[in-house]
Amino acid sequence: MMLSGNLKMNLNWRIEDMGRYYHGDIEGKFWFAVQSSNDADFFGVEGEASHVNYYYHEDHLDQVKEGIKDCKSSLGGYKKLLDNFFKTDGKEGYNDKMLVDYLNKNANHVGTHSENGVKFFLEWYARLELGKQILKCIKDNGECNFEAEL
């Protein structure tokens, strides 16, 4: 199989260096099939162009904190469940079925979870993690600038 650019294929047919990243004052990788590249728009600054550029400063702290609060509110009791899942069962990686099984076993409410249903919580959870990175960066540096791949 012929690949171009920064993609490399190893003998196990695993593509390396694939994904959408953000980098600058903070760095990370957007969650595959869960988190959009412009997810940081949620925290009060709108990104720009083909690479989305974000420029946060101390004046944005209240908006970022409010966004984090909204994320936690949307997650409710699932935040703790997801924290525990990613520290244990999902530590080395996960798929939606693993998460569904975990939630069906550990969530204390009537009903069952579906693979489509967990995407809602994963989106909010990934957004929360991004917001916490932005907040820490602003607090540590007085500003936070990064570029996100689309």
N, C-alpha and C. Protein backbone atom coordinates (compact mmCIF):
# COMPACT_ATOMS: atom_id res chain seq x y z
N MET A 1 0.84 -1.17 0.00
CA MET A 1 0.00 0.00 0.00
C MET A 1 0.89 1.24 0.00
N MET A 2 0.63 2.20 -0.86
CA MET A 2 1.43 3.41 -0.98
C MET A 2 0.76 4.53 -0.19
N LEU A 3 1.51 5.17 0.70
CA LEU A 3 1.00 6.29 1.49
C LEU A 3 1.87 7.51 1.26
N SER A 4 1.25 8.67 1.31
CA SER A 4 2.03 9.89 1.09
C SER A 4 2.01 10.75 2.35
N GLY A 5 2.77 11.82 2.33
CA GLY A 5 2.79 12.77 3.44
C GLY A 5 3.43 12.17 4.68
N ASN A 6 2.85 12.50 5.83
CA ASN A 6 3.39 12.06 7.11
C ASN A 6 2.85 10.72 7.57
N LEU A 7 2.05 10.05 6.75
CA LEU A 7 1.49 8.77 7.15
C LEU A 7 2.48 7.65 6.85
N LYS A 8 2.61 6.75 7.80
CA LYS A 8 3.48 5.60 7.63
C LYS A 8 2.70 4.37 8.04
N MET A 9 2.89 3.30 7.36
CA MET A 9 2.19 2.07 7.71
C MET A 9 3.21 1.08 8.23
N ASN A 10 2.93 0.46 9.39
CA ASN A 10 3.84 -0.56 9.88
C ASN A 10 3.32 -1.93 9.45
N LEU A 11 4.02 -2.98 9.83
CA LEU A 11 3.65 -4.32 9.39
C LEU A 11 2.32 -4.80 9.95
N ASN A 12 1.86 -4.22 11.03
CA ASN A 12 0.58 -4.60 11.62
C ASN A 12 -0.58 -3.81 11.02
N TRP A 13 -0.38 -3.12 9.94
CA TRP A 13 -1.39 -2.33 9.25
C TRP A 13 -1.98 -1.24 10.13
N ARG A 14 -1.18 -0.69 11.00
CA ARG A 14 -1.62 0.40 11.86
C ARG A 14 -1.06 1.70 11.30
N ILE A 15 -1.90 2.67 11.11
CA ILE A 15 -1.44 3.96 10.61
C ILE A 15 -0.93 4.78 11.78
N GLU A 16 0.28 5.27 11.65
CA GLU A 16 0.89 6.08 12.69
C GLU A 16 0.81 7.55 12.30
N ASP A 17 0.85 8.43 13.26
CA ASP A 17 0.84 9.87 13.06
C ASP A 17 -0.45 10.35 12.40
N MET A 18 -1.52 9.61 12.55
CA MET A 18 -2.78 10.00 11.94
C MET A 18 -3.66 10.65 13.01
N GLY A 19 -4.35 11.70 12.66
CA GLY A 19 -5.26 12.35 13.58
C GLY A 19 -5.20 13.85 13.43
N ARG A 20 -6.02 14.51 14.20
CA ARG A 20 -6.06 15.96 14.20
C ARG A 20 -5.51 16.45 15.53
N TYR A 21 -4.54 17.31 15.46
CA TYR A 21 -3.85 17.78 16.64
C TYR A 21 -4.04 19.28 16.81
N TYR A 22 -3.80 19.76 18.02
CA TYR A 22 -3.68 21.18 18.25
C TYR A 22 -2.35 21.41 18.95
N HIS A 23 -1.74 22.53 18.64
CA HIS A 23 -0.44 22.80 19.21
C HIS A 23 -0.24 24.31 19.35
N GLY A 24 0.65 24.69 20.21
CA GLY A 24 0.91 26.08 20.55
C GLY A 24 1.27 26.12 22.02
N ASP A 25 0.63 27.00 22.80
CA ASP A 25 0.88 27.04 24.23
C ASP A 25 0.39 25.77 24.93
N ILE A 26 -0.62 25.14 24.35
CA ILE A 26 -1.06 23.82 24.82
C ILE A 26 -1.04 22.88 23.63
N GLU A 27 -0.92 21.59 23.90
CA GLU A 27 -0.85 20.62 22.82
C GLU A 27 -1.72 19.41 23.16
N GLY A 28 -2.24 18.78 22.14
CA GLY A 28 -3.03 17.58 22.35
C GLY A 28 -3.60 17.08 21.05
N LYS A 29 -4.40 16.06 21.17
CA LYS A 29 -5.02 15.44 20.00
C LYS A 29 -6.52 15.43 20.22
N PHE A 30 -7.27 15.84 19.20
CA PHE A 30 -8.71 15.79 19.29
C PHE A 30 -9.17 14.34 19.29
N TRP A 31 -10.21 14.05 20.03
CA TRP A 31 -10.73 12.70 20.13
C TRP A 31 -11.34 12.30 18.80
N PHE A 32 -10.91 11.18 18.27
CA PHE A 32 -11.37 10.68 16.99
C PHE A 32 -12.87 10.39 17.04
N ALA A 33 -13.59 10.88 16.05
CA ALA A 33 -15.03 10.64 15.89
C ALA A 33 -15.87 11.16 17.04
N VAL A 34 -15.29 12.00 17.89
CA VAL A 34 -16.01 12.53 19.04
C VAL A 34 -15.93 14.05 19.07
N GLN A 35 -14.76 14.59 18.80
CA GLN A 35 -14.49 16.00 19.05
C GLN A 35 -14.12 16.71 17.75
N SER A 36 -14.80 17.81 17.47
CA SER A 36 -14.49 18.57 16.26
C SER A 36 -13.24 19.42 16.47
N SER A 37 -12.62 19.80 15.37
CA SER A 37 -11.39 20.59 15.44
C SER A 37 -11.63 22.00 15.98
N ASN A 38 -12.85 22.47 15.89
CA ASN A 38 -13.13 23.82 16.41
C ASN A 38 -13.84 23.75 17.76
N ASP A 39 -13.63 22.69 18.51
CA ASP A 39 -14.28 22.51 19.79
C ASP A 39 -13.93 23.64 20.77
N ALA A 40 -12.76 24.24 20.63
CA ALA A 40 -12.37 25.32 21.54
C ALA A 40 -13.23 26.56 21.35
N ASP A 41 -13.97 26.68 20.23
CA ASP A 41 -14.93 27.78 20.05
C ASP A 41 -15.89 27.84 21.23
N PHE A 42 -16.20 26.69 21.80
CA PHE A 42 -17.15 26.59 22.90
C PHE A 42 -16.75 27.47 24.08
N PHE A 43 -15.46 27.75 24.23
CA PHE A 43 -14.96 28.47 25.38
C PHE A 43 -14.79 29.97 25.12
N GLY A 44 -15.42 30.50 24.07
CA GLY A 44 -15.53 31.94 23.92
C GLY A 44 -14.66 32.61 22.90
N VAL A 45 -13.81 31.91 22.19
CA VAL A 45 -13.00 32.50 21.14
C VAL A 45 -13.22 31.68 19.88
N GLU A 46 -13.51 32.34 18.78
CA GLU A 46 -13.76 31.63 17.53
C GLU A 46 -12.46 31.46 16.75
N GLY A 47 -12.20 30.24 16.31
CA GLY A 47 -10.99 29.95 15.55
C GLY A 47 -11.03 30.55 14.16
N GLU A 48 -9.89 30.50 13.45
CA GLU A 48 -9.74 31.11 12.14
C GLU A 48 -9.20 30.12 11.11
N ALA A 49 -9.59 30.26 9.85
CA ALA A 49 -9.00 29.65 8.65
C ALA A 49 -8.97 28.12 8.61
N SER A 50 -8.07 27.55 7.76
CA SER A 50 -7.99 26.11 7.57
C SER A 50 -7.40 25.41 8.79
N HIS A 51 -6.46 26.04 9.40
CA HIS A 51 -6.04 25.66 10.74
C HIS A 51 -6.76 26.65 11.63
N VAL A 52 -7.37 26.16 12.67
CA VAL A 52 -8.12 27.04 13.55
C VAL A 52 -7.15 27.56 14.60
N ASN A 53 -6.97 28.88 14.64
CA ASN A 53 -6.06 29.51 15.59
C ASN A 53 -6.86 30.09 16.75
N TYR A 54 -6.39 29.84 17.95
CA TYR A 54 -7.06 30.34 19.15
C TYR A 54 -6.10 31.20 19.94
N TYR A 55 -6.60 32.32 20.42
CA TYR A 55 -5.83 33.27 21.21
C TYR A 55 -6.64 33.62 22.45
N TYR A 56 -6.34 33.01 23.55
CA TYR A 56 -7.01 33.28 24.82
C TYR A 56 -6.08 34.12 25.67
N HIS A 57 -6.66 34.98 26.47
CA HIS A 57 -5.87 35.73 27.45
C HIS A 57 -6.70 35.85 28.73
N GLU A 58 -6.17 36.53 29.71
CA GLU A 58 -6.81 36.57 31.02
C GLU A 58 -8.24 37.11 30.97
N ASP A 59 -8.55 37.97 30.00
CA ASP A 59 -9.91 38.48 29.87
C ASP A 59 -10.91 37.38 29.51
N HIS A 60 -10.43 36.24 29.04
CA HIS A 60 -11.30 35.13 28.66
C HIS A 60 -11.50 34.12 29.80
N LEU A 61 -10.86 34.35 30.95
CA LEU A 61 -10.93 33.38 32.04
C LEU A 61 -12.37 33.07 32.44
N ASP A 62 -13.21 34.09 32.58
CA ASP A 62 -14.60 33.85 32.99
C ASP A 62 -15.34 32.99 31.98
N GLN A 63 -15.11 33.24 30.68
CA GLN A 63 -15.78 32.45 29.65
C GLN A 63 -15.30 31.00 29.68
N VAL A 64 -14.01 30.81 29.86
CA VAL A 64 -13.47 29.46 29.91
C VAL A 64 -14.01 28.73 31.13
N LYS A 65 -14.02 29.40 32.28
CA LYS A 65 -14.56 28.78 33.50
C LYS A 65 -16.04 28.45 33.33
N GLU A 66 -16.79 29.32 32.70
CA GLU A 66 -18.21 29.08 32.45
C GLU A 66 -18.38 27.87 31.52
N GLY A 67 -17.54 27.78 30.50
CA GLY A 67 -17.58 26.63 29.59
C GLY A 67 -17.29 25.33 30.31
N ILE A 68 -16.32 25.35 31.21
CA ILE A 68 -15.98 24.16 32.00
C ILE A 68 -17.16 23.78 32.89
N LYS A 69 -17.78 24.78 33.48
CA LYS A 69 -18.96 24.54 34.32
C LYS A 69 -20.09 23.91 33.49
N ASP A 70 -20.31 24.41 32.28
CA ASP A 70 -21.34 23.85 31.39
C ASP A 70 -21.02 22.40 31.03
N CYS A 71 -19.75 22.12 30.78
CA CYS A 71 -19.34 20.74 30.46
C CYS A 71 -19.66 19.82 31.63
N LYS A 72 -19.28 20.24 32.82
CA LYS A 72 -19.53 19.40 34.01
C LYS A 72 -21.02 19.21 34.23
N SER A 73 -21.79 20.26 34.00
CA SER A 73 -23.24 20.17 34.15
C SER A 73 -23.84 19.19 33.14
N SER A 74 -23.37 19.25 31.90
CA SER A 74 -23.87 18.35 30.86
C SER A 74 -23.50 16.89 31.14
N LEU A 75 -22.36 16.69 31.77
CA LEU A 75 -21.92 15.33 32.09
C LEU A 75 -22.61 14.78 33.34
N GLY A 76 -22.95 15.65 34.28
CA GLY A 76 -23.57 15.20 35.53
C GLY A 76 -22.72 14.12 36.18
N GLY A 77 -23.37 13.06 36.63
CA GLY A 77 -22.68 11.96 37.29
C GLY A 77 -21.80 11.15 36.36
N TYR A 78 -21.93 11.36 35.06
CA TYR A 78 -21.10 10.62 34.10
C TYR A 78 -19.65 11.08 34.13
N LYS A 79 -19.38 12.28 34.63
CA LYS A 79 -17.99 12.73 34.70
C LYS A 79 -17.17 11.77 35.55
N LYS A 80 -17.69 11.46 36.73
CA LYS A 80 -16.97 10.56 37.63
C LYS A 80 -16.84 9.16 37.00
N LEU A 81 -17.91 8.70 36.37
CA LEU A 81 -17.87 7.39 35.71
C LEU A 81 -16.81 7.37 34.61
N LEU A 82 -16.77 8.43 33.80
CA LEU A 82 -15.79 8.49 32.71
C LEU A 82 -14.37 8.64 33.25
N ASP A 83 -14.21 9.44 34.32
CA ASP A 83 -12.88 9.55 34.95
C ASP A 83 -12.40 8.16 35.36
N ASN A 84 -13.26 7.41 36.02
CA ASN A 84 -12.90 6.07 36.48
C ASN A 84 -12.64 5.13 35.31
N PHE A 85 -13.47 5.20 34.28
CA PHE A 85 -13.28 4.34 33.11
C PHE A 85 -11.91 4.57 32.48
N PHE A 86 -11.54 5.84 32.29
CA PHE A 86 -10.27 6.12 31.61
C PHE A 86 -9.05 5.90 32.51
N LYS A 87 -9.27 5.71 33.81
CA LYS A 87 -8.18 5.34 34.71
C LYS A 87 -8.03 3.83 34.82
N THR A 88 -9.06 3.09 34.41
CA THR A 88 -9.04 1.64 34.57
C THR A 88 -9.23 0.94 33.23
N ASP A 89 -10.44 0.59 32.89
CA ASP A 89 -10.74 -0.19 31.69
C ASP A 89 -10.26 0.47 30.40
N GLY A 90 -10.39 1.79 30.29
CA GLY A 90 -10.02 2.51 29.07
C GLY A 90 -8.64 3.12 29.10
N LYS A 91 -7.84 2.72 30.08
CA LYS A 91 -6.51 3.32 30.26
C LYS A 91 -5.61 3.15 29.04
N GLU A 92 -5.63 1.97 28.44
CA GLU A 92 -4.75 1.67 27.32
C GLU A 92 -5.42 1.88 25.97
N GLY A 93 -6.62 2.41 25.97
CA GLY A 93 -7.40 2.61 24.76
C GLY A 93 -8.80 2.07 24.98
N TYR A 94 -9.69 2.45 24.14
CA TYR A 94 -11.08 2.03 24.32
C TYR A 94 -11.80 2.03 22.99
N ASN A 95 -12.97 1.42 22.99
CA ASN A 95 -13.90 1.58 21.89
C ASN A 95 -15.27 1.81 22.51
N ASP A 96 -16.23 2.19 21.69
CA ASP A 96 -17.55 2.53 22.23
C ASP A 96 -18.19 1.35 22.95
N LYS A 97 -18.00 0.14 22.45
CA LYS A 97 -18.60 -1.03 23.09
C LYS A 97 -18.04 -1.24 24.49
N MET A 98 -16.74 -1.05 24.66
CA MET A 98 -16.15 -1.17 25.99
C MET A 98 -16.78 -0.18 26.95
N LEU A 99 -16.97 1.05 26.47
CA LEU A 99 -17.55 2.09 27.33
C LEU A 99 -19.01 1.77 27.64
N VAL A 100 -19.76 1.31 26.65
CA VAL A 100 -21.16 0.92 26.87
C VAL A 100 -21.23 -0.16 27.95
N ASP A 101 -20.41 -1.18 27.82
CA ASP A 101 -20.41 -2.27 28.80
C ASP A 101 -20.07 -1.74 30.20
N TYR A 102 -19.09 -0.86 30.28
CA TYR A 102 -18.69 -0.29 31.57
C TYR A 102 -19.84 0.51 32.18
N LEU A 103 -20.47 1.37 31.37
CA LEU A 103 -21.56 2.20 31.89
C LEU A 103 -22.76 1.34 32.29
N ASN A 104 -23.08 0.33 31.49
CA ASN A 104 -24.20 -0.53 31.84
C ASN A 104 -23.96 -1.25 33.17
N LYS A 105 -22.71 -1.53 33.45
CA LYS A 105 -22.36 -2.21 34.70
C LYS A 105 -22.28 -1.24 35.88
N ASN A 106 -21.83 0.01 35.65
CA ASN A 106 -21.50 0.91 36.75
C ASN A 106 -22.42 2.10 36.95
N ALA A 107 -23.21 2.47 35.96
CA ALA A 107 -24.11 3.62 36.11
C ALA A 107 -25.33 3.16 36.91
N ASN A 108 -25.64 3.86 37.96
CA ASN A 108 -26.74 3.47 38.84
C ASN A 108 -28.04 4.13 38.44
N HIS A 109 -28.59 3.70 37.32
CA HIS A 109 -29.91 4.19 36.92
C HIS A 109 -30.59 3.14 36.04
N VAL A 110 -31.86 3.33 35.84
CA VAL A 110 -32.63 2.39 35.03
C VAL A 110 -32.33 2.63 33.56
N GLY A 111 -32.23 1.57 32.79
CA GLY A 111 -31.99 1.69 31.36
C GLY A 111 -30.60 1.22 30.99
N THR A 112 -30.39 1.14 29.69
CA THR A 112 -29.10 0.71 29.19
C THR A 112 -28.53 1.78 28.27
N HIS A 113 -27.26 1.69 28.04
CA HIS A 113 -26.55 2.64 27.18
C HIS A 113 -26.34 2.02 25.81
N SER A 114 -26.21 2.87 24.80
CA SER A 114 -25.93 2.41 23.44
C SER A 114 -24.65 3.06 22.97
N GLU A 115 -24.08 2.50 21.90
CA GLU A 115 -22.86 3.09 21.35
C GLU A 115 -23.11 4.50 20.85
N ASN A 116 -24.27 4.75 20.23
CA ASN A 116 -24.59 6.12 19.80
C ASN A 116 -24.80 7.03 20.99
N GLY A 117 -25.41 6.51 22.04
CA GLY A 117 -25.69 7.32 23.23
C GLY A 117 -24.43 7.77 23.95
N VAL A 118 -23.39 6.94 23.99
CA VAL A 118 -22.19 7.33 24.72
C VAL A 118 -21.43 8.44 24.01
N LYS A 119 -21.66 8.62 22.72
CA LYS A 119 -20.96 9.69 21.99
C LYS A 119 -21.28 11.06 22.58
N PHE A 120 -22.50 11.26 23.06
CA PHE A 120 -22.89 12.51 23.70
C PHE A 120 -21.96 12.80 24.88
N PHE A 121 -21.79 11.81 25.75
CA PHE A 121 -20.96 12.02 26.94
C PHE A 121 -19.48 12.15 26.57
N LEU A 122 -19.03 11.39 25.59
CA LEU A 122 -17.64 11.49 25.16
C LEU A 122 -17.33 12.88 24.61
N GLU A 123 -18.26 13.45 23.85
CA GLU A 123 -18.04 14.80 23.31
C GLU A 123 -17.88 15.82 24.43
N TRP A 124 -18.76 15.76 25.42
CA TRP A 124 -18.66 16.69 26.55
C TRP A 124 -17.42 16.44 27.38
N TYR A 125 -17.05 15.18 27.53
CA TYR A 125 -15.87 14.83 28.32
C TYR A 125 -14.59 15.32 27.63
N ALA A 126 -14.49 15.09 26.33
CA ALA A 126 -13.33 15.57 25.57
C ALA A 126 -13.26 17.10 25.62
N ARG A 127 -14.41 17.75 25.49
CA ARG A 127 -14.46 19.22 25.55
C ARG A 127 -14.00 19.72 26.91
N LEU A 128 -14.43 19.04 27.97
CA LEU A 128 -14.01 19.41 29.32
C LEU A 128 -12.50 19.33 29.46
N GLU A 129 -11.91 18.25 28.95
CA GLU A 129 -10.45 18.10 29.04
C GLU A 129 -9.74 19.23 28.30
N LEU A 130 -10.24 19.62 27.14
CA LEU A 130 -9.66 20.73 26.39
C LEU A 130 -9.80 22.03 27.19
N GLY A 131 -10.97 22.26 27.75
CA GLY A 131 -11.20 23.47 28.55
C GLY A 131 -10.27 23.56 29.74
N LYS A 132 -10.03 22.43 30.40
CA LYS A 132 -9.12 22.43 31.55
C LYS A 132 -7.69 22.75 31.11
N GLN A 133 -7.30 22.27 29.93
CA GLN A 133 -5.96 22.62 29.41
C GLN A 133 -5.86 24.12 29.14
N ILE A 134 -6.89 24.67 28.52
CA ILE A 134 -6.90 26.10 28.21
C ILE A 134 -6.82 26.92 29.50
N LEU A 135 -7.65 26.57 30.49
CA LEU A 135 -7.67 27.28 31.76
C LEU A 135 -6.30 27.25 32.44
N LYS A 136 -5.71 26.07 32.52
CA LYS A 136 -4.39 25.95 33.16
C LYS A 136 -3.35 26.79 32.43
N CYS A 137 -3.39 26.76 31.11
CA CYS A 137 -2.43 27.53 30.32
C CYS A 137 -2.57 29.03 30.58
N ILE A 138 -3.80 29.52 30.60
CA ILE A 138 -4.01 30.96 30.87
C ILE A 138 -3.51 31.31 32.26
N LYS A 139 -3.84 30.47 33.24
CA LYS A 139 -3.40 30.73 34.62
C LYS A 139 -1.88 30.71 34.74
N ASP A 140 -1.24 29.77 34.04
CA ASP A 140 0.22 29.63 34.13
C ASP A 140 0.96 30.70 33.34
N ASN A 141 0.40 31.13 32.18
CA ASN A 141 1.14 31.99 31.26
C ASN A 141 0.50 33.36 31.01
N GLY A 142 -0.71 33.56 31.51
CA GLY A 142 -1.41 34.82 31.24
C GLY A 142 -2.10 34.83 29.88
N GLU A 143 -1.86 33.82 29.10
CA GLU A 143 -2.48 33.69 27.78
C GLU A 143 -2.35 32.24 27.33
N CYS A 144 -3.07 31.92 26.28
CA CYS A 144 -2.99 30.58 25.71
C CYS A 144 -3.26 30.69 24.22
N ASN A 145 -2.30 30.35 23.42
CA ASN A 145 -2.41 30.40 21.97
C ASN A 145 -2.12 29.02 21.42
N PHE A 146 -2.97 28.58 20.50
CA PHE A 146 -2.69 27.31 19.85
C PHE A 146 -3.40 27.25 18.52
N GLU A 147 -2.92 26.35 17.69
CA GLU A 147 -3.46 26.11 16.36
C GLU A 147 -4.01 24.69 16.33
N ALA A 148 -5.22 24.55 15.80
CA ALA A 148 -5.86 23.24 15.72
C ALA A 148 -6.02 22.86 14.26
N GLU A 149 -5.71 21.62 13.95
CA GLU A 149 -5.87 21.12 12.58
C GLU A 149 -7.35 20.88 12.31
N LEU A 150 -7.77 21.17 11.09
CA LEU A 150 -9.15 20.87 10.70
C LEU A 150 -9.21 19.54 10.01
